[in-house]
Amino acid sequence: MGRGILLADQADAEGIEQGVRQFGQVLRDGGGRVTQALPEIEWRLLLQTGLLLGDKISPPIPPWVFAILFAIPFLAWPSIAVPRRGYVVRDKDIVFRCGVIFRSVTAVPFNRIQHVETSSTPLDRKFDIAALQIFTAGGSGGDLKIDGLSADVAERLRVYILDKVGASVEDA
């Protein structure tokens, strides 16, 4: 006899019952037939997980419920993240803050700025948004990138920062 589930009719019940005692517990239905024989460890595992409850198991969860449960965080994220992003241009520097879980505030003094550029992807251009990237002296650790600005605001900020720095303004 092998391990696993055995199905039998009433005539074979006694023979199967004797053969499978060594492999696990024997289950009988209302008519006294041996319907299943499972090893004891598997039996307890299945019983604990609720897989042998038969009619008492609720129907499986439809896929659209999982879709909704996964979509809720993605739809709610912008309303959480956007209010926590911002920038301010002060007399001597520009300050940018961002982050929901890990928050950061970056201040870039105008006297450290070497280069400023705006960039946008084709999708950004479709929605008229751009990114402003500020490059500083001393490596990439002090560089700053502000995404999601309107293209007009990004260009005005670029021109203003270059005027503050004293660099020549080139058309992008």
Protein backbone atom coordinates (compact mmCIF):
# COMPACT_ATOMS: atom_id res chain seq x y z
CA MET A 1 0.00 0.00 0.00
CA GLY A 2 1.25 3.48 -0.80
CA ARG A 3 0.83 6.70 1.05
CA GLY A 4 -1.88 9.18 0.19
CA ILE A 5 -5.59 9.07 -0.45
CA LEU A 6 -7.30 5.73 -1.04
CA LEU A 7 -10.82 5.32 -2.32
CA ALA A 8 -12.68 2.04 -1.91
CA ASP A 9 -16.13 0.52 -1.88
CA GLN A 10 -17.65 -1.26 1.10
CA ALA A 11 -16.37 -4.73 0.11
CA ASP A 12 -12.74 -3.68 0.22
CA ALA A 13 -13.06 -1.57 3.38
CA GLU A 14 -11.66 -4.09 5.84
CA GLY A 15 -8.68 -5.06 3.69
CA ILE A 16 -7.78 -1.47 2.99
CA GLU A 17 -8.26 -0.55 6.63
CA GLN A 18 -5.78 -3.22 7.72
CA GLY A 19 -3.31 -2.28 5.02
CA VAL A 20 -3.26 1.42 5.78
CA ARG A 21 -3.20 1.40 9.59
CA GLN A 22 0.57 1.63 9.43
CA PHE A 23 0.40 4.68 7.17
CA GLY A 24 -2.06 6.85 9.00
CA GLN A 25 -5.57 7.45 10.12
CA VAL A 26 -8.54 5.90 8.35
CA LEU A 27 -11.63 8.00 7.73
CA ARG A 28 -15.08 6.50 7.29
CA ASP A 29 -18.09 8.16 5.73
CA GLY A 30 -21.64 7.71 7.03
CA GLY A 31 -22.06 4.31 5.32
CA GLY A 32 -19.01 2.80 7.01
CA ARG A 33 -16.88 2.85 3.86
CA VAL A 34 -13.22 3.72 4.04
CA THR A 35 -12.96 6.92 2.04
CA GLN A 36 -9.49 8.27 2.80
CA ALA A 37 -6.32 7.19 4.49
CA LEU A 38 -3.68 9.80 5.16
CA PRO A 39 -0.47 9.68 7.12
CA GLU A 40 -0.99 11.14 10.57
CA ILE A 41 1.32 14.12 10.02
CA GLU A 42 -0.39 15.07 6.77
CA TRP A 43 -3.80 14.55 8.38
CA ARG A 44 -3.03 16.97 11.20
CA LEU A 45 -1.56 19.51 8.80
CA LEU A 46 -4.61 19.39 6.53
CA LEU A 47 -6.97 19.56 9.48
CA GLN A 48 -5.15 22.56 10.91
CA THR A 49 -5.22 24.42 7.61
CA GLY A 50 -8.91 23.67 7.14
CA LEU A 51 -8.61 21.78 3.88
CA LEU A 52 -10.65 18.80 5.09
CA LEU A 53 -13.68 20.74 6.27
CA GLY A 54 -15.67 19.83 3.18
CA ASP A 55 -18.90 21.81 2.94
CA LYS A 56 -17.83 24.20 5.68
CA ILE A 57 -15.17 25.90 3.54
CA SER A 58 -16.37 29.17 2.11
CA PRO A 59 -16.00 29.57 -1.65
CA PRO A 60 -12.57 30.67 -2.83
CA ILE A 61 -11.89 34.40 -2.95
CA PRO A 62 -12.52 35.74 -6.45
CA PRO A 63 -9.55 37.29 -8.28
CA TRP A 64 -11.18 40.72 -8.45
CA VAL A 65 -11.00 40.96 -4.64
CA PHE A 66 -7.21 40.53 -4.82
CA ALA A 67 -7.05 43.12 -7.62
CA ILE A 68 -8.90 45.64 -5.46
CA LEU A 69 -6.75 44.89 -2.42
CA PHE A 70 -3.56 45.44 -4.43
CA ALA A 71 -4.91 48.53 -6.23
CA ILE A 72 -5.88 50.43 -3.07
CA PRO A 73 -2.29 51.19 -1.97
CA PHE A 74 -1.31 52.28 -5.49
CA LEU A 75 -4.29 54.62 -5.73
CA ALA A 76 -3.78 56.01 -2.24
CA TRP A 77 -0.02 56.54 -2.53
CA PRO A 78 -0.10 59.89 -4.42
CA SER A 79 -2.37 61.45 -1.80
CA ILE A 80 0.15 60.38 0.85
CA ALA A 81 3.42 61.15 -0.94
CA VAL A 82 2.70 64.38 -2.83
CA PRO A 83 1.99 66.56 0.24
CA ARG A 84 5.33 65.46 1.69
CA ARG A 85 7.37 66.77 -1.26
CA GLY A 86 8.27 70.38 -1.74
CA TYR A 87 10.93 72.94 -2.51
CA VAL A 88 11.64 76.52 -1.51
CA VAL A 89 14.02 79.00 -3.09
CA ARG A 90 15.63 81.24 -0.46
CA ASP A 91 18.17 84.06 -0.73
CA LYS A 92 21.27 81.88 -0.53
CA ASP A 93 20.05 78.35 -1.29
CA ILE A 94 17.34 76.06 -2.56
CA VAL A 95 15.82 73.50 -0.16
CA PHE A 96 14.03 70.31 -1.21
CA ARG A 97 12.20 67.88 1.08
CA CYS A 98 10.77 64.49 0.21
CA GLY A 99 9.94 61.10 1.65
CA VAL A 100 7.09 59.35 3.41
CA ILE A 101 8.85 56.72 5.47
CA PHE A 102 12.42 57.94 5.08
CA ARG A 103 12.23 61.73 5.00
CA SER A 104 15.07 63.87 3.75
CA VAL A 105 15.73 67.58 3.46
CA THR A 106 18.41 68.72 1.03
CA ALA A 107 19.73 72.28 0.97
CA VAL A 108 21.95 73.33 -1.93
CA PRO A 109 23.70 76.71 -1.56
CA PHE A 110 23.87 78.78 -4.75
CA ASN A 111 27.66 79.20 -4.40
CA ARG A 112 28.10 75.40 -4.81
CA ILE A 113 25.97 75.07 -7.97
CA GLN A 114 27.93 74.40 -11.17
CA HIS A 115 25.23 73.45 -13.65
CA VAL A 116 21.42 73.36 -13.87
CA GLU A 117 19.34 71.55 -16.46
CA THR A 118 15.76 70.57 -17.15
CA SER A 119 14.82 67.22 -18.62
CA SER A 120 11.65 65.45 -19.62
CA THR A 121 10.70 62.12 -21.09
CA PRO A 122 8.17 61.76 -23.91
CA LEU A 123 5.49 60.92 -21.32
CA ASP A 124 6.49 63.98 -19.28
CA ARG A 125 6.16 66.16 -22.37
CA LYS A 126 2.70 64.76 -23.03
CA PHE A 127 1.59 65.97 -19.58
CA ASP A 128 3.73 69.15 -19.75
CA ILE A 129 5.94 68.29 -16.79
CA ALA A 130 9.71 68.31 -16.39
CA ALA A 131 12.49 67.61 -13.92
CA LEU A 132 14.98 70.18 -12.70
CA GLN A 133 18.42 68.80 -11.97
CA ILE A 134 21.00 70.82 -10.06
CA PHE A 135 24.66 69.73 -10.18
CA THR A 136 26.98 70.85 -7.41
CA ALA A 137 30.71 71.03 -6.84
CA GLY A 138 32.24 68.21 -4.87
CA GLY A 139 30.69 65.12 -6.38
CA SER A 140 27.24 63.69 -6.89
CA GLY A 141 26.36 63.54 -3.17
CA GLY A 142 25.05 67.10 -3.20
CA ASP A 143 23.22 66.95 -6.52
CA LEU A 144 19.50 67.60 -6.45
CA LYS A 145 16.72 66.48 -8.76
CA ILE A 146 13.18 67.83 -8.46
CA ASP A 147 10.69 65.78 -10.48
CA GLY A 148 7.12 66.62 -11.41
CA LEU A 149 7.40 70.36 -11.98
CA SER A 150 5.43 71.96 -14.75
CA ALA A 151 7.70 72.61 -17.74
CA ASP A 152 7.25 76.39 -17.41
CA VAL A 153 8.11 76.42 -13.69
CA ALA A 154 11.14 74.19 -14.24
CA GLU A 155 12.48 76.50 -16.94
CA ARG A 156 11.86 79.66 -14.85
CA LEU A 157 13.63 78.05 -11.88
CA ARG A 158 16.57 77.07 -14.08
CA VAL A 159 16.94 80.63 -15.40
CA TYR A 160 16.57 82.13 -11.89
CA ILE A 161 19.19 79.80 -10.36
CA LEU A 162 21.65 80.44 -13.20
CA ASP A 163 21.15 84.20 -12.73
CA LYS A 164 21.78 83.80 -8.98
CA VAL A 165 24.90 81.76 -9.63
CA GLY A 166 26.15 84.24 -12.21
CA ALA A 167 26.40 81.76 -15.04
CA SER A 168 25.31 82.50 -18.56
CA VAL A 169 21.81 81.33 -19.45
CA GLU A 170 21.61 79.08 -22.50
CA ASP A 171 18.38 78.03 -24.13
CA ALA A 172 17.62 74.40 -23.48
